[in-house]
C-alpha atoms as a PDB file:
ATOM      1  CA  UNK A   1     118.422 107.207 107.536  1.00  0.00           C
ATOM      2  CA  UNK A   2     115.156 109.106 107.850  1.00  0.00           C
ATOM      3  CA  UNK A   3     113.183 110.478 104.735  1.00  0.00           C
ATOM      4  CA  UNK A   4     111.660 113.594 105.094  1.00  0.00           C
ATOM      5  CA  UNK A   5     109.245 114.887 102.507  1.00  0.00           C
ATOM      6  CA  UNK A   6     107.624 118.294 102.527  1.00  0.00           C
ATOM      7  CA  UNK A   7     104.975 120.467 100.711  1.00  0.00           C
ATOM      8  CA  UNK A   8     102.785 122.790 100.310  1.00  0.00           C
ATOM      9  CA  UNK A   9      99.084 122.059 100.180  1.00  0.00           C
ATOM     10  CA  UNK A  10      95.803 124.385 100.269  1.00  0.00           C
ATOM     11  CA  UNK A  11      94.301 125.306 104.054  1.00  0.00           C
ATOM     12  CA  UNK A  12      90.244 123.891 103.006  1.00  0.00           C
ATOM     13  CA  UNK A  13      91.881 120.288 101.395  1.00  0.00           C
ATOM     14  CA  UNK A  14      93.642 119.891 105.235  1.00  0.00           C
ATOM     15  CA  UNK A  15      91.153 116.930 105.711  1.00  0.00           C
ATOM     16  CA  UNK A  16      91.390 115.607 103.268  1.00  0.00           C
ATOM     17  CA  UNK A  17      95.467 115.828 102.653  1.00  0.00           C
ATOM     18  CA  UNK A  18      95.594 114.363 106.092  1.00  0.00           C
ATOM     19  CA  UNK A  19      93.279 111.133 105.024  1.00  0.00           C
ATOM     20  CA  UNK A  20      95.538 110.376 102.128  1.00  0.00           C
ATOM     21  CA  UNK A  21      98.871 111.181 104.038  1.00  0.00           C
ATOM     22  CA  UNK A  22      97.772 108.588 106.673  1.00  0.00           C
ATOM     23  CA  UNK A  23      96.411 105.933 104.222  1.00  0.00           C
ATOM     24  CA  UNK A  24      99.946 106.080 101.951  1.00  0.00           C
ATOM     25  CA  UNK A  25     101.716 105.991 104.939  1.00  0.00           C
ATOM     26  CA  UNK A  26      99.852 103.016 106.474  1.00  0.00           C
ATOM     27  CA  UNK A  27     100.621 101.470 103.041  1.00  0.00           C
ATOM     28  CA  UNK A  28     104.384 101.787 103.261  1.00  0.00           C
ATOM     29  CA  UNK A  29     104.235 100.363 106.666  1.00  0.00           C
ATOM     30  CA  UNK A  30     102.780  97.382 105.510  1.00  0.00           C
ATOM     31  CA  UNK A  31     104.777  96.984 102.870  1.00  0.00           C
ATOM     32  CA  UNK A  32     108.442  97.951 104.313  1.00  0.00           C
ATOM     33  CA  UNK A  33     107.780  97.923 108.265  1.00  0.00           C
ATOM     34  CA  UNK A  34     108.982 101.533 108.332  1.00  0.00           C
ATOM     35  CA  UNK A  35     107.433 104.076 110.747  1.00  0.00           C
ATOM     36  CA  UNK A  36     105.574 107.185 109.461  1.00  0.00           C
ATOM     37  CA  UNK A  37     104.453 110.220 110.996  1.00  0.00           C
ATOM     38  CA  UNK A  38     103.170 113.299 109.163  1.00  0.00           C
ATOM     39  CA  UNK A  39     103.179 116.844 110.427  1.00  0.00           C
ATOM     40  CA  UNK A  40     101.823 120.664 109.465  1.00  0.00           C
ATOM     41  CA  UNK A  41     103.268 124.151 110.387  1.00  0.00           C
ATOM     42  CA  UNK A  42     100.774 125.076 112.815  1.00  0.00           C
ATOM     43  CA  UNK A  43     100.187 128.897 111.061  1.00  0.00           C
ATOM     44  CA  UNK A  44      99.229 128.481 107.353  1.00  0.00           C
ATOM     45  CA  UNK A  45     100.387 131.284 104.979  1.00  0.00           C
ATOM     46  CA  UNK A  46      98.591 132.728 101.777  1.00  0.00           C
ATOM     47  CA  UNK A  47      96.246 130.133 102.761  1.00  0.00           C
ATOM     48  CA  UNK A  48      98.669 126.890 102.382  1.00  0.00           C
ATOM     49  CA  UNK A  49      99.893 124.716 105.280  1.00  0.00           C
ATOM     50  CA  UNK A  50     103.264 123.600 104.748  1.00  0.00           C
ATOM     51  CA  UNK A  51     102.865 119.146 105.524  1.00  0.00           C
ATOM     52  CA  UNK A  52     105.968 117.427 106.387  1.00  0.00           C
ATOM     53  CA  UNK A  53     106.142 113.363 106.092  1.00  0.00           C
ATOM     54  CA  UNK A  54     108.750 111.573 107.690  1.00  0.00           C
ATOM     55  CA  UNK A  55     109.896 108.275 107.148  1.00  0.00           C
ATOM     56  CA  UNK A  56     112.170 106.463 110.043  1.00  0.00           C
ATOM     57  CA  UNK A  57     114.637 103.796 109.016  1.00  0.00           C
ATOM     58  CA  UNK A  58     114.024 103.200 105.409  1.00  0.00           C
ATOM     59  CA  UNK A  59     114.545  99.703 103.943  1.00  0.00           C
ATOM     60  CA  UNK A  60     115.235  98.185 100.566  1.00  0.00           C
ATOM     61  CA  UNK A  61     112.190  98.806  98.626  1.00  0.00           C
ATOM     62  CA  UNK A  62     111.164 101.816 100.527  1.00  0.00           C
ATOM     63  CA  UNK A  63     111.179 104.058  97.146  1.00  0.00           C
ATOM     64  CA  UNK A  64     109.883 101.778  95.068  1.00  0.00           C
ATOM     65  CA  UNK A  65     106.956 101.437  97.936  1.00  0.00           C
ATOM     66  CA  UNK A  66     106.691 105.106  98.888  1.00  0.00           C
ATOM     67  CA  UNK A  67     106.217 105.926  94.825  1.00  0.00           C
ATOM     68  CA  UNK A  68     103.571 103.479  94.240  1.00  0.00           C
ATOM     69  CA  UNK A  69     101.736 104.493  97.459  1.00  0.00           C
ATOM     70  CA  UNK A  70     102.040 108.267  96.181  1.00  0.00           C
ATOM     71  CA  UNK A  71     100.317 107.128  92.994  1.00  0.00           C
ATOM     72  CA  UNK A  72      97.303 105.136  94.476  1.00  0.00           C
ATOM     73  CA  UNK A  73      96.438 107.393  96.762  1.00  0.00           C
ATOM     74  CA  UNK A  74      96.806 110.690  94.199  1.00  0.00           C
ATOM     75  CA  UNK A  75      98.280 113.375  96.489  1.00  0.00           C
ATOM     76  CA  UNK A  76     100.189 114.792  94.025  1.00  0.00           C
ATOM     77  CA  UNK A  77      96.394 116.334  93.170  1.00  0.00           C
ATOM     78  CA  UNK A  78      96.300 118.403  96.455  1.00  0.00           C
ATOM     79  CA  UNK A  79      99.647 119.984  96.374  1.00  0.00           C
ATOM     80  CA  UNK A  80     100.534 123.390  95.089  1.00  0.00           C
ATOM     81  CA  UNK A  81     104.338 122.808  94.097  1.00  0.00           C
ATOM     82  CA  UNK A  82     106.443 120.052  94.219  1.00  0.00           C
ATOM     83  CA  UNK A  83     107.554 117.495  97.015  1.00  0.00           C
ATOM     84  CA  UNK A  84     110.915 118.311  98.396  1.00  0.00           C
ATOM     85  CA  UNK A  85     113.065 115.543  99.600  1.00  0.00           C
ATOM     86  CA  UNK A  86     115.756 115.417 102.187  1.00  0.00           C
ATOM     87  CA  UNK A  87     117.378 112.428 103.647  1.00  0.00           C
ATOM     88  CA  UNK A  88     119.177 112.562 107.001  1.00  0.00           C
ATOM     89  CA  UNK A  89     121.848 110.452 108.502  1.00  0.00           C
ATOM     90  CA  UNK A  90     121.355 109.264 112.190  1.00  0.00           C
ATOM     91  CA  UNK A  91     124.935 109.375 114.527  1.00  0.00           C
ATOM     92  CA  UNK A  92     125.082 105.079 114.338  1.00  0.00           C
ATOM     93  CA  UNK A  93     125.335 105.820 110.697  1.00  0.00           C
ATOM     94  CA  UNK A  94     127.661 108.271 110.075  1.00  0.00           C
ATOM     95  CA  UNK A  95     130.298 106.317 109.884  1.00  0.00           C
END
């Protein structure tokens, strides 16, 4: 199963958001082995970028590792609104 986490953050904070997300994801990968990506929409809306974190093949212990990394890197202090989470199964997991 893959997890997608998206949220909005001020354009002026883009470099800091990227720095914190990459550090957070590196920590999660080291703890869980889960492969991570970060993406951003190409066009800002109302001085806000939409960001997307992607976690491929989440494993047992992933939720706790992500929660700890989010707190440690204080990403919430840079975003506007909530972090939204969606999980998707890969075709081999459908059955």
